[in-house]
């Protein structure tokens, strides 16, 4: 297997695992809170575009923006070690890092994408 093919498969696995993570977040927000259904619909469409590999620049940047906004809005929980389950909020950091990596390597992310 060539290096290029391994890179494509690795980026696809990152895209798929991040997509599963965002799917769980969307479902949790839809089922446990009173969200704006328009916002949930927008996030679901963005996730479908992201998983399909269409318009990588827009979808990757959109998910980075959503994740950054979410992390910034919860900075007080992230920085408070006495908060219950505060460590779970640190998941924002590696997800943002993986999304930035995907964004920078988006032209190589061709495996099961368009």
PDB file of N, CA and C in Angstrom:
ATOM      1  N   UNK A   1       0.847  -1.173   0.000  1.00  0.00           N
ATOM      2  CA  UNK A   1       0.000   0.000   0.000  1.00  0.00           C
ATOM      3  C   UNK A   1       0.896   1.241   0.000  1.00  0.00           C
ATOM      4  N   UNK A   2       0.576   2.197  -0.836  1.00  0.00           N
ATOM      5  CA  UNK A   2       1.398   3.398  -0.953  1.00  0.00           C
ATOM      6  C   UNK A   2       1.150   4.338   0.219  1.00  0.00           C
ATOM      7  N   UNK A   3       2.082   5.264   0.403  1.00  0.00           N
ATOM      8  CA  UNK A   3       1.933   6.257   1.473  1.00  0.00           C
ATOM      9  C   UNK A   3       0.698   7.114   1.241  1.00  0.00           C
ATOM     10  N   UNK A   4       0.443   7.469  -0.014  1.00  0.00           N
ATOM     11  CA  UNK A   4      -0.720   8.293  -0.337  1.00  0.00           C
ATOM     12  C   UNK A   4      -2.021   7.572   0.029  1.00  0.00           C
ATOM     13  N   UNK A   5      -2.096   6.288  -0.260  1.00  0.00           N
ATOM     14  CA  UNK A   5      -3.303   5.515   0.054  1.00  0.00           C
ATOM     15  C   UNK A   5      -3.490   5.386   1.567  1.00  0.00           C
ATOM     16  N   UNK A   6      -2.400   5.172   2.291  1.00  0.00           N
ATOM     17  CA  UNK A   6      -2.496   5.094   3.758  1.00  0.00           C
ATOM     18  C   UNK A   6      -2.956   6.423   4.334  1.00  0.00           C
ATOM     19  N   UNK A   7      -2.449   7.528   3.770  1.00  0.00           N
ATOM     20  CA  UNK A   7      -2.880   8.852   4.218  1.00  0.00           C
ATOM     21  C   UNK A   7      -4.373   9.037   3.965  1.00  0.00           C
ATOM     22  N   UNK A   8      -4.840   8.662   2.788  1.00  0.00           N
ATOM     23  CA  UNK A   8      -6.265   8.782   2.469  1.00  0.00           C
ATOM     24  C   UNK A   8      -7.128   7.967   3.430  1.00  0.00           C
ATOM     25  N   UNK A   9      -6.713   6.747   3.715  1.00  0.00           N
ATOM     26  CA  UNK A   9      -7.482   5.893   4.631  1.00  0.00           C
ATOM     27  C   UNK A   9      -7.459   6.472   6.047  1.00  0.00           C
ATOM     28  N   UNK A  10      -6.306   6.957   6.488  1.00  0.00           N
ATOM     29  CA  UNK A  10      -6.207   7.567   7.815  1.00  0.00           C
ATOM     30  C   UNK A  10      -7.092   8.792   7.951  1.00  0.00           C
ATOM     31  N   UNK A  11      -7.124   9.636   6.928  1.00  0.00           N
ATOM     32  CA  UNK A  11      -7.977  10.820   6.962  1.00  0.00           C
ATOM     33  C   UNK A  11      -9.454  10.433   6.928  1.00  0.00           C
ATOM     34  N   UNK A  12      -9.781   9.384   6.184  1.00  0.00           N
ATOM     35  CA  UNK A  12     -11.164   8.908   6.168  1.00  0.00           C
ATOM     36  C   UNK A  12     -11.590   8.410   7.547  1.00  0.00           C
ATOM     37  N   UNK A  13     -10.709   7.675   8.210  1.00  0.00           N
ATOM     38  CA  UNK A  13     -11.023   7.175   9.555  1.00  0.00           C
ATOM     39  C   UNK A  13     -11.225   8.350  10.513  1.00  0.00           C
ATOM     40  N   UNK A  14     -10.396   9.392  10.391  1.00  0.00           N
ATOM     41  CA  UNK A  14     -10.586  10.590  11.217  1.00  0.00           C
ATOM     42  C   UNK A  14     -11.933  11.232  10.919  1.00  0.00           C
ATOM     43  N   UNK A  15     -12.265  11.375   9.631  1.00  0.00           N
ATOM     44  CA  UNK A  15     -13.531  11.995   9.243  1.00  0.00           C
ATOM     45  C   UNK A  15     -14.710  11.180   9.764  1.00  0.00           C
ATOM     46  N   UNK A  16     -14.635   9.870   9.648  1.00  0.00           N
ATOM     47  CA  UNK A  16     -15.715   9.002  10.111  1.00  0.00           C
ATOM     48  C   UNK A  16     -15.872   9.060  11.631  1.00  0.00           C
ATOM     49  N   UNK A  17     -14.770   8.992  12.370  1.00  0.00           N
ATOM     50  CA  UNK A  17     -14.869   9.011  13.835  1.00  0.00           C
ATOM     51  C   UNK A  17     -15.345  10.368  14.343  1.00  0.00           C
ATOM     52  N   UNK A  18     -14.907  11.446  13.720  1.00  0.00           N
ATOM     53  CA  UNK A  18     -15.401  12.773  14.109  1.00  0.00           C
ATOM     54  C   UNK A  18     -16.880  12.896  13.768  1.00  0.00           C
ATOM     55  N   UNK A  19     -17.287  12.340  12.640  1.00  0.00           N
ATOM     56  CA  UNK A  19     -18.699  12.360  12.269  1.00  0.00           C
ATOM     57  C   UNK A  19     -19.564  11.616  13.268  1.00  0.00           C
ATOM     58  N   UNK A  20     -19.095  10.473  13.742  1.00  0.00           N
ATOM     59  CA  UNK A  20     -19.837   9.714  14.758  1.00  0.00           C
ATOM     60  C   UNK A  20     -19.934  10.521  16.052  1.00  0.00           C
ATOM     61  N   UNK A  21     -18.845  11.190  16.423  1.00  0.00           N
ATOM     62  CA  UNK A  21     -18.838  12.043  17.614  1.00  0.00           C
ATOM     63  C   UNK A  21     -19.883  13.155  17.485  1.00  0.00           C
ATOM     64  N   UNK A  22     -19.909  13.841  16.334  1.00  0.00           N
ATOM     65  CA  UNK A  22     -20.872  14.919  16.144  1.00  0.00           C
ATOM     66  C   UNK A  22     -22.302  14.391  16.045  1.00  0.00           C
ATOM     67  N   UNK A  23     -22.488  13.206  15.493  1.00  0.00           N
ATOM     68  CA  UNK A  23     -23.819  12.608  15.453  1.00  0.00           C
ATOM     69  C   UNK A  23     -24.341  12.370  16.866  1.00  0.00           C
ATOM     70  N   UNK A  24     -23.480  11.871  17.745  1.00  0.00           N
ATOM     71  CA  UNK A  24     -23.879  11.666  19.142  1.00  0.00           C
ATOM     72  C   UNK A  24     -24.223  12.996  19.812  1.00  0.00           C
ATOM     73  N   UNK A  25     -23.443  14.035  19.535  1.00  0.00           N
ATOM     74  CA  UNK A  25     -23.739  15.352  20.115  1.00  0.00           C
ATOM     75  C   UNK A  25     -25.068  15.905  19.611  1.00  0.00           C
ATOM     76  N   UNK A  26     -25.309  15.764  18.316  1.00  0.00           N
ATOM     77  CA  UNK A  26     -26.564  16.263  17.751  1.00  0.00           C
ATOM     78  C   UNK A  26     -27.750  15.514  18.349  1.00  0.00           C
ATOM     79  N   UNK A  27     -27.644  14.198  18.442  1.00  0.00           N
ATOM     80  CA  UNK A  27     -28.734  13.415  19.035  1.00  0.00           C
ATOM     81  C   UNK A  27     -28.951  13.771  20.500  1.00  0.00           C
ATOM     82  N   UNK A  28     -27.866  13.957  21.236  1.00  0.00           N
ATOM     83  CA  UNK A  28     -27.997  14.326  22.645  1.00  0.00           C
ATOM     84  C   UNK A  28     -28.687  15.680  22.783  1.00  0.00           C
ATOM     85  N   UNK A  29     -28.275  16.651  21.992  1.00  0.00           N
ATOM     86  CA  UNK A  29     -28.901  17.971  22.065  1.00  0.00           C
ATOM     87  C   UNK A  29     -30.360  17.921  21.646  1.00  0.00           C
ATOM     88  N   UNK A  30     -30.669  17.107  20.669  1.00  0.00           N
ATOM     89  CA  UNK A  30     -32.043  16.995  20.197  1.00  0.00           C
ATOM     90  C   UNK A  30     -32.942  16.322  21.226  1.00  0.00           C
ATOM     91  N   UNK A  31     -32.424  15.311  21.916  1.00  0.00           N
ATOM     92  CA  UNK A  31     -33.249  14.524  22.829  1.00  0.00           C
ATOM     93  C   UNK A  31     -33.304  15.063  24.253  1.00  0.00           C
ATOM     94  N   UNK A  32     -32.270  15.762  24.710  1.00  0.00           N
ATOM     95  CA  UNK A  32     -32.225  16.146  26.120  1.00  0.00           C
ATOM     96  C   UNK A  32     -32.471  17.624  26.381  1.00  0.00           C
ATOM     97  N   UNK A  33     -32.432  18.435  25.374  1.00  0.00           N
ATOM     98  CA  UNK A  33     -32.653  19.869  25.587  1.00  0.00           C
ATOM     99  C   UNK A  33     -33.778  20.344  24.686  1.00  0.00           C
ATOM    100  N   UNK A  34     -34.123  21.580  24.822  1.00  0.00           N
ATOM    101  CA  UNK A  34     -35.113  22.198  23.950  1.00  0.00           C
ATOM    102  C   UNK A  34     -34.372  23.060  22.923  1.00  0.00           C
ATOM    103  N   UNK A  35     -33.776  22.412  21.940  1.00  0.00           N
ATOM    104  CA  UNK A  35     -32.976  23.171  20.991  1.00  0.00           C
ATOM    105  C   UNK A  35     -33.846  23.872  19.959  1.00  0.00           C
ATOM    106  N   UNK A  36     -33.235  24.774  19.275  1.00  0.00           N
ATOM    107  CA  UNK A  36     -33.862  25.340  18.101  1.00  0.00           C
ATOM    108  C   UNK A  36     -33.771  24.280  17.007  1.00  0.00           C
ATOM    109  N   UNK A  37     -34.906  23.834  16.515  1.00  0.00           N
ATOM    110  CA  UNK A  37     -34.892  22.767  15.522  1.00  0.00           C
ATOM    111  C   UNK A  37     -34.177  23.199  14.250  1.00  0.00           C
ATOM    112  N   UNK A  38     -34.200  24.478  13.948  1.00  0.00           N
ATOM    113  CA  UNK A  38     -33.477  24.978  12.782  1.00  0.00           C
ATOM    114  C   UNK A  38     -31.975  24.797  12.967  1.00  0.00           C
ATOM    115  N   UNK A  39     -31.485  25.049  14.170  1.00  0.00           N
ATOM    116  CA  UNK A  39     -30.060  24.871  14.458  1.00  0.00           C
ATOM    117  C   UNK A  39     -29.665  23.396  14.384  1.00  0.00           C
ATOM    118  N   UNK A  40     -30.499  22.515  14.909  1.00  0.00           N
ATOM    119  CA  UNK A  40     -30.229  21.073  14.831  1.00  0.00           C
ATOM    120  C   UNK A  40     -30.255  20.616  13.375  1.00  0.00           C
ATOM    121  N   UNK A  41     -31.202  21.121  12.596  1.00  0.00           N
ATOM    122  CA  UNK A  41     -31.275  20.777  11.175  1.00  0.00           C
ATOM    123  C   UNK A  41     -30.019  21.241  10.448  1.00  0.00           C
ATOM    124  N   UNK A  42     -29.574  22.469  10.717  1.00  0.00           N
ATOM    125  CA  UNK A  42     -28.357  22.994  10.100  1.00  0.00           C
ATOM    126  C   UNK A  42     -27.153  22.127  10.461  1.00  0.00           C
ATOM    127  N   UNK A  43     -27.039  21.760  11.723  1.00  0.00           N
ATOM    128  CA  UNK A  43     -25.915  20.924  12.157  1.00  0.00           C
ATOM    129  C   UNK A  43     -25.973  19.547  11.501  1.00  0.00           C
ATOM    130  N   UNK A  44     -27.165  18.988  11.360  1.00  0.00           N
ATOM    131  CA  UNK A  44     -27.302  17.671  10.725  1.00  0.00           C
ATOM    132  C   UNK A  44     -26.927  17.732   9.244  1.00  0.00           C
ATOM    133  N   UNK A  45     -27.353  18.777   8.555  1.00  0.00           N
ATOM    134  CA  UNK A  45     -26.984  18.934   7.143  1.00  0.00           C
ATOM    135  C   UNK A  45     -25.482  19.124   7.010  1.00  0.00           C
ATOM    136  N   UNK A  46     -24.902  19.936   7.871  1.00  0.00           N
ATOM    137  CA  UNK A  46     -23.452  20.144   7.846  1.00  0.00           C
ATOM    138  C   UNK A  46     -22.718  18.834   8.102  1.00  0.00           C
ATOM    139  N   UNK A  47     -23.231  18.023   9.000  1.00  0.00           N
ATOM    140  CA  UNK A  47     -22.616  16.727   9.289  1.00  0.00           C
ATOM    141  C   UNK A  47     -22.700  15.786   8.086  1.00  0.00           C
ATOM    142  N   UNK A  48     -23.826  15.791   7.394  1.00  0.00           N
ATOM    143  CA  UNK A  48     -23.963  14.954   6.195  1.00  0.00           C
ATOM    144  C   UNK A  48     -22.981  15.402   5.118  1.00  0.00           C
ATOM    145  N   UNK A  49     -22.856  16.703   4.927  1.00  0.00           N
ATOM    146  CA  UNK A  49     -21.893  17.228   3.950  1.00  0.00           C
ATOM    147  C   UNK A  49     -20.478  16.844   4.365  1.00  0.00           C
ATOM    148  N   UNK A  50     -20.179  16.945   5.652  1.00  0.00           N
ATOM    149  CA  UNK A  50     -18.858  16.582   6.167  1.00  0.00           C
ATOM    150  C   UNK A  50     -18.558  15.105   5.929  1.00  0.00           C
ATOM    151  N   UNK A  51     -19.481  14.232   6.284  1.00  0.00           N
ATOM    152  CA  UNK A  51     -19.259  12.791   6.136  1.00  0.00           C
ATOM    153  C   UNK A  51     -19.155  12.358   4.677  1.00  0.00           C
ATOM    154  N   UNK A  52     -19.879  13.041   3.801  1.00  0.00           N
ATOM    155  CA  UNK A  52     -19.840  12.676   2.387  1.00  0.00           C
ATOM    156  C   UNK A  52     -18.588  13.199   1.696  1.00  0.00           C
ATOM    157  N   UNK A  53     -17.899  14.126   2.318  1.00  0.00           N
ATOM    158  CA  UNK A  53     -16.693  14.680   1.711  1.00  0.00           C
ATOM    159  C   UNK A  53     -16.975  15.781   0.708  1.00  0.00           C
ATOM    160  N   UNK A  54     -18.205  16.253   0.660  1.00  0.00           N
ATOM    161  CA  UNK A  54     -18.553  17.348  -0.239  1.00  0.00           C
ATOM    162  C   UNK A  54     -18.139  18.679   0.382  1.00  0.00           C
ATOM    163  N   UNK A  55     -17.727  19.605  -0.436  1.00  0.00           N
ATOM    164  CA  UNK A  55     -17.357  20.961  -0.010  1.00  0.00           C
ATOM    165  C   UNK A  55     -16.553  20.937   1.289  1.00  0.00           C
ATOM    166  N   UNK A  56     -15.396  20.340   1.214  1.00  0.00           N
ATOM    167  CA  UNK A  56     -14.567  20.119   2.402  1.00  0.00           C
ATOM    168  C   UNK A  56     -14.207  21.418   3.112  1.00  0.00           C
ATOM    169  N   UNK A  57     -13.886  22.445   2.347  1.00  0.00           N
ATOM    170  CA  UNK A  57     -13.481  23.706   2.971  1.00  0.00           C
ATOM    171  C   UNK A  57     -14.604  24.257   3.858  1.00  0.00           C
ATOM    172  N   UNK A  58     -15.823  24.264   3.340  1.00  0.00           N
ATOM    173  CA  UNK A  58     -16.960  24.787   4.093  1.00  0.00           C
ATOM    174  C   UNK A  58     -17.323  23.893   5.276  1.00  0.00           C
ATOM    175  N   UNK A  59     -17.444  22.579   5.025  1.00  0.00           N
ATOM    176  CA  UNK A  59     -17.918  21.689   6.090  1.00  0.00           C
ATOM    177  C   UNK A  59     -16.885  21.538   7.202  1.00  0.00           C
ATOM    178  N   UNK A  60     -15.610  21.425   6.856  1.00  0.00           N
ATOM    179  CA  UNK A  60     -14.582  21.297   7.888  1.00  0.00           C
ATOM    180  C   UNK A  60     -14.491  22.582   8.705  1.00  0.00           C
ATOM    181  N   UNK A  61     -14.505  23.727   8.021  1.00  0.00           N
ATOM    182  CA  UNK A  61     -14.446  25.007   8.736  1.00  0.00           C
ATOM    183  C   UNK A  61     -15.695  25.213   9.589  1.00  0.00           C
ATOM    184  N   UNK A  62     -16.848  24.791   9.091  1.00  0.00           N
ATOM    185  CA  UNK A  62     -18.081  24.921   9.864  1.00  0.00           C
ATOM    186  C   UNK A  62     -18.046  24.119  11.152  1.00  0.00           C
ATOM    187  N   UNK A  63     -17.553  22.891  11.070  1.00  0.00           N
ATOM    188  CA  UNK A  63     -17.464  22.074  12.283  1.00  0.00           C
ATOM    189  C   UNK A  63     -16.403  22.611  13.244  1.00  0.00           C
ATOM    190  N   UNK A  64     -15.308  23.146  12.706  1.00  0.00           N
ATOM    191  CA  UNK A  64     -14.309  23.781  13.579  1.00  0.00           C
ATOM    192  C   UNK A  64     -14.953  24.948  14.317  1.00  0.00           C
ATOM    193  N   UNK A  65     -15.726  25.759  13.601  1.00  0.00           N
ATOM    194  CA  UNK A  65     -16.398  26.898  14.226  1.00  0.00           C
ATOM    195  C   UNK A  65     -17.382  26.482  15.302  1.00  0.00           C
ATOM    196  N   UNK A  66     -18.172  25.455  15.023  1.00  0.00           N
ATOM    197  CA  UNK A  66     -19.133  24.958  16.014  1.00  0.00           C
ATOM    198  C   UNK A  66     -18.404  24.455  17.253  1.00  0.00           C
ATOM    199  N   UNK A  67     -17.345  23.688  17.040  1.00  0.00           N
ATOM    200  CA  UNK A  67     -16.608  23.113  18.169  1.00  0.00           C
ATOM    201  C   UNK A  67     -15.899  24.205  18.974  1.00  0.00           C
ATOM    202  N   UNK A  68     -15.311  25.187  18.290  1.00  0.00           N
ATOM    203  CA  UNK A  68     -14.660  26.298  19.000  1.00  0.00           C
ATOM    204  C   UNK A  68     -15.677  27.108  19.802  1.00  0.00           C
ATOM    205  N   UNK A  69     -16.822  27.401  19.198  1.00  0.00           N
ATOM    206  CA  UNK A  69     -17.851  28.160  19.909  1.00  0.00           C
ATOM    207  C   UNK A  69     -18.334  27.400  21.138  1.00  0.00           C
ATOM    208  N   UNK A  70     -18.497  26.112  20.999  1.00  0.00           N
ATOM    209  CA  UNK A  70     -18.928  25.294  22.127  1.00  0.00           C
ATOM    210  C   UNK A  70     -17.874  25.277  23.230  1.00  0.00           C
ATOM    211  N   UNK A  71     -16.605  25.143  22.854  1.00  0.00           N
ATOM    212  CA  UNK A  71     -15.527  25.115  23.849  1.00  0.00           C
ATOM    213  C   UNK A  71     -15.400  26.457  24.559  1.00  0.00           C
ATOM    214  N   UNK A  72     -15.486  27.545  23.813  1.00  0.00           N
ATOM    215  CA  UNK A  72     -15.365  28.874  24.420  1.00  0.00           C
ATOM    216  C   UNK A  72     -16.542  29.144  25.352  1.00  0.00           C
ATOM    217  N   UNK A  73     -17.732  28.689  24.970  1.00  0.00           N
ATOM    218  CA  UNK A  73     -18.899  28.935  25.817  1.00  0.00           C
ATOM    219  C   UNK A  73     -18.842  28.149  27.124  1.00  0.00           C
ATOM    220  N   UNK A  74     -18.016  27.105  27.182  1.00  0.00           N
ATOM    221  CA  UNK A  74     -17.912  26.284  28.392  1.00  0.00           C
ATOM    222  C   UNK A  74     -16.555  26.420  29.071  1.00  0.00           C
ATOM    223  N   UNK A  75     -15.863  27.516  28.837  1.00  0.00           N
ATOM    224  CA  UNK A  75     -14.517  27.666  29.402  1.00  0.00           C
ATOM    225  C   UNK A  75     -14.525  27.568  30.922  1.00  0.00           C
ATOM    226  N   UNK A  76     -15.582  28.054  31.576  1.00  0.00           N
ATOM    227  CA  UNK A  76     -15.617  28.004  33.042  1.00  0.00           C
ATOM    228  C   UNK A  76     -15.715  26.566  33.559  1.00  0.00           C
ATOM    229  N   UNK A  77     -16.373  25.680  32.827  1.00  0.00           N
ATOM    230  CA  UNK A  77     -16.451  24.271  33.221  1.00  0.00           C
ATOM    231  C   UNK A  77     -15.129  23.570  32.925  1.00  0.00           C
ATOM    232  N   UNK A  78     -14.532  23.888  31.777  1.00  0.00           N
ATOM    233  CA  UNK A  78     -13.277  23.249  31.377  1.00  0.00           C
ATOM    234  C   UNK A  78     -12.156  23.578  32.359  1.00  0.00           C
ATOM    235  N   UNK A  79     -12.153  24.786  32.870  1.00  0.00           N
ATOM    236  CA  UNK A  79     -11.063  25.227  33.741  1.00  0.00           C
ATOM    237  C   UNK A  79     -11.319  24.982  35.225  1.00  0.00           C
ATOM    238  N   UNK A  80     -12.461  24.416  35.579  1.00  0.00           N
ATOM    239  CA  UNK A  80     -12.795  24.177  36.985  1.00  0.00           C
ATOM    240  C   UNK A  80     -12.691  22.685  37.303  1.00  0.00           C
ATOM    241  N   UNK A  81     -11.576  22.245  37.903  1.00  0.00           N
ATOM    242  CA  UNK A  81     -11.412  20.817  38.173  1.00  0.00           C
ATOM    243  C   UNK A  81     -12.362  20.281  39.244  1.00  0.00           C
ATOM    244  N   UNK A  82     -13.026  21.148  39.985  1.00  0.00           N
ATOM    245  CA  UNK A  82     -13.969  20.697  41.005  1.00  0.00           C
ATOM    246  C   UNK A  82     -15.353  20.419  40.422  1.00  0.00           C
ATOM    247  N   UNK A  83     -15.559  20.798  39.180  1.00  0.00           N
ATOM    248  CA  UNK A  83     -16.839  20.575  38.503  1.00  0.00           C
ATOM    249  C   UNK A  83     -17.022  19.079  38.229  1.00  0.00           C
ATOM    250  N   UNK A  84     -18.247  18.588  38.441  1.00  0.00           N
ATOM    251  CA  UNK A  84     -18.545  17.179  38.194  1.00  0.00           C
ATOM    252  C   UNK A  84     -18.344  16.855  36.710  1.00  0.00           C
ATOM    253  N   UNK A  85     -17.601  15.803  36.433  1.00  0.00           N
ATOM    254  CA  UNK A  85     -17.329  15.337  35.065  1.00  0.00           C
ATOM    255  C   UNK A  85     -16.651  16.395  34.195  1.00  0.00           C
ATOM    256  N   UNK A  86     -15.862  17.273  34.798  1.00  0.00           N
ATOM    257  CA  UNK A  86     -15.236  18.336  34.017  1.00  0.00           C
ATOM    258  C   UNK A  86     -14.293  17.792  32.957  1.00  0.00           C
ATOM    259  N   UNK A  87     -13.710  16.622  33.188  1.00  0.00           N
ATOM    260  CA  UNK A  87     -12.754  16.056  32.239  1.00  0.00           C
ATOM    261  C   UNK A  87     -13.424  15.749  30.897  1.00  0.00           C
ATOM    262  N   UNK A  88     -14.725  15.457  30.911  1.00  0.00           N
ATOM    263  CA  UNK A  88     -15.433  15.171  29.665  1.00  0.00           C
ATOM    264  C   UNK A  88     -15.478  16.383  28.742  1.00  0.00           C
ATOM    265  N   UNK A  89     -15.429  17.578  29.319  1.00  0.00           N
ATOM    266  CA  UNK A  89     -15.461  18.779  28.492  1.00  0.00           C
ATOM    267  C   UNK A  89     -14.133  19.017  27.779  1.00  0.00           C
ATOM    268  N   UNK A  90     -13.076  18.356  28.220  1.00  0.00           N
ATOM    269  CA  UNK A  90     -11.778  18.469  27.556  1.00  0.00           C
ATOM    270  C   UNK A  90     -11.772  17.750  26.215  1.00  0.00           C
ATOM    271  N   UNK A  91     -12.811  16.987  25.898  1.00  0.00           N
ATOM    272  CA  UNK A  91     -12.871  16.324  24.588  1.00  0.00           C
ATOM    273  C   UNK A  91     -12.909  17.327  23.446  1.00  0.00           C
ATOM    274  N   UNK A  92     -13.288  18.558  23.746  1.00  0.00           N
ATOM    275  CA  UNK A  92     -13.287  19.590  22.704  1.00  0.00           C
ATOM    276  C   UNK A  92     -11.894  19.787  22.114  1.00  0.00           C
ATOM    277  N   UNK A  93     -10.872  19.709  22.942  1.00  0.00           N
ATOM    278  CA  UNK A  93      -9.514  20.038  22.503  1.00  0.00           C
ATOM    279  C   UNK A  93      -9.001  19.059  21.443  1.00  0.00           C
ATOM    280  N   UNK A  94      -9.007  17.739  21.667  1.00  0.00           N
ATOM    281  CA  UNK A  94      -8.520  16.850  20.598  1.00  0.00           C
ATOM    282  C   UNK A  94      -9.415  16.847  19.361  1.00  0.00           C
ATOM    283  N   UNK A  95     -10.708  17.083  19.530  1.00  0.00           N
ATOM    284  CA  UNK A  95     -11.595  17.138  18.366  1.00  0.00           C
ATOM    285  C   UNK A  95     -11.255  18.360  17.516  1.00  0.00           C
ATOM    286  N   UNK A  96     -11.007  19.492  18.158  1.00  0.00           N
ATOM    287  CA  UNK A  96     -10.601  20.687  17.416  1.00  0.00           C
ATOM    288  C   UNK A  96      -9.276  20.433  16.701  1.00  0.00           C
ATOM    289  N   UNK A  97      -8.338  19.788  17.382  1.00  0.00           N
ATOM    290  CA  UNK A  97      -7.057  19.462  16.756  1.00  0.00           C
ATOM    291  C   UNK A  97      -7.219  18.549  15.556  1.00  0.00           C
ATOM    292  N   UNK A  98      -8.059  17.528  15.680  1.00  0.00           N
ATOM    293  CA  UNK A  98      -8.290  16.608  14.560  1.00  0.00           C
ATOM    294  C   UNK A  98      -8.981  17.321  13.398  1.00  0.00           C
ATOM    295  N   UNK A  99      -9.921  18.196  13.704  1.00  0.00           N
ATOM    296  CA  UNK A  99     -10.597  18.946  12.647  1.00  0.00           C
ATOM    297  C   UNK A  99      -9.637  19.886  11.925  1.00  0.00           C
ATOM    298  N   UNK A 100      -8.752  20.526  12.669  1.00  0.00           N
ATOM    299  CA  UNK A 100      -7.759  21.398  12.030  1.00  0.00           C
ATOM    300  C   UNK A 100      -6.826  20.569  11.149  1.00  0.00           C
ATOM    301  N   UNK A 101      -6.419  19.399  11.639  1.00  0.00           N
ATOM    302  CA  UNK A 101      -5.594  18.509  10.819  1.00  0.00           C
ATOM    303  C   UNK A 101      -6.303  18.101   9.538  1.00  0.00           C
ATOM    304  N   UNK A 102      -7.575  17.737   9.636  1.00  0.00           N
ATOM    305  CA  UNK A 102      -8.354  17.395   8.444  1.00  0.00           C
ATOM    306  C   UNK A 102      -8.473  18.581   7.502  1.00  0.00           C
ATOM    307  N   UNK A 103      -8.687  19.767   8.064  1.00  0.00           N
ATOM    308  CA  UNK A 103      -8.816  20.962   7.233  1.00  0.00           C
ATOM    309  C   UNK A 103      -7.526  21.217   6.458  1.00  0.00           C
ATOM    310  N   UNK A 104      -6.394  21.091   7.130  1.00  0.00           N
ATOM    311  CA  UNK A 104      -5.113  21.346   6.471  1.00  0.00           C
ATOM    312  C   UNK A 104      -4.782  20.293   5.412  1.00  0.00           C
ATOM    313  N   UNK A 105      -5.260  19.070   5.601  1.00  0.00           N
ATOM    314  CA  UNK A 105      -4.964  17.975   4.667  1.00  0.00           C
ATOM    315  C   UNK A 105      -6.164  17.621   3.790  1.00  0.00           C
ATOM    316  N   UNK A 106      -7.121  18.527   3.663  1.00  0.00           N
ATOM    317  CA  UNK A 106      -8.383  18.218   2.986  1.00  0.00           C
ATOM    318  C   UNK A 106      -8.211  17.793   1.529  1.00  0.00           C
ATOM    319  N   UNK A 107      -7.181  18.272   0.835  1.00  0.00           N
ATOM    320  CA  UNK A 107      -7.012  17.869  -0.564  1.00  0.00           C
ATOM    321  C   UNK A 107      -6.555  16.414  -0.687  1.00  0.00           C
ATOM    322  N   UNK A 108      -6.047  15.830   0.397  1.00  0.00           N
ATOM    323  CA  UNK A 108      -5.641  14.424   0.400  1.00  0.00           C
ATOM    324  C   UNK A 108      -6.752  13.497   0.887  1.00  0.00           C
ATOM    325  N   UNK A 109      -7.827  14.064   1.410  1.00  0.00           N
ATOM    326  CA  UNK A 109      -8.935  13.271   1.953  1.00  0.00           C
ATOM    327  C   UNK A 109      -9.873  12.876   0.810  1.00  0.00           C
ATOM    328  N   UNK A 110      -9.495  11.839   0.072  1.00  0.00           N
ATOM    329  CA  UNK A 110     -10.247  11.413  -1.113  1.00  0.00           C
ATOM    330  C   UNK A 110     -10.910  10.046  -0.953  1.00  0.00           C
ATOM    331  N   UNK A 111     -10.623   9.339   0.113  1.00  0.00           N
ATOM    332  CA  UNK A 111     -11.147   7.986   0.298  1.00  0.00           C
ATOM    333  C   UNK A 111     -12.614   8.061   0.701  1.00  0.00           C
ATOM    334  N   UNK A 112     -13.504   7.465  -0.074  1.00  0.00           N
ATOM    335  CA  UNK A 112     -14.956   7.522   0.139  1.00  0.00           C
ATOM    336  C   UNK A 112     -15.446   8.954   0.262  1.00  0.00           C
ATOM    337  N   UNK A 113     -14.960   9.815  -0.567  1.00  0.00           N
ATOM    338  CA  UNK A 113     -15.393  11.203  -0.582  1.00  0.00           C
ATOM    339  C   UNK A 113     -15.494  11.698  -2.011  1.00  0.00           C
ATOM    340  N   UNK A 114     -15.968  12.914  -2.143  1.00  0.00           N
ATOM    341  CA  UNK A 114     -16.136  13.507  -3.470  1.00  0.00           C
ATOM    342  C   UNK A 114     -15.241  14.708  -3.626  1.00  0.00           C
TER     343      UNK A 114
END
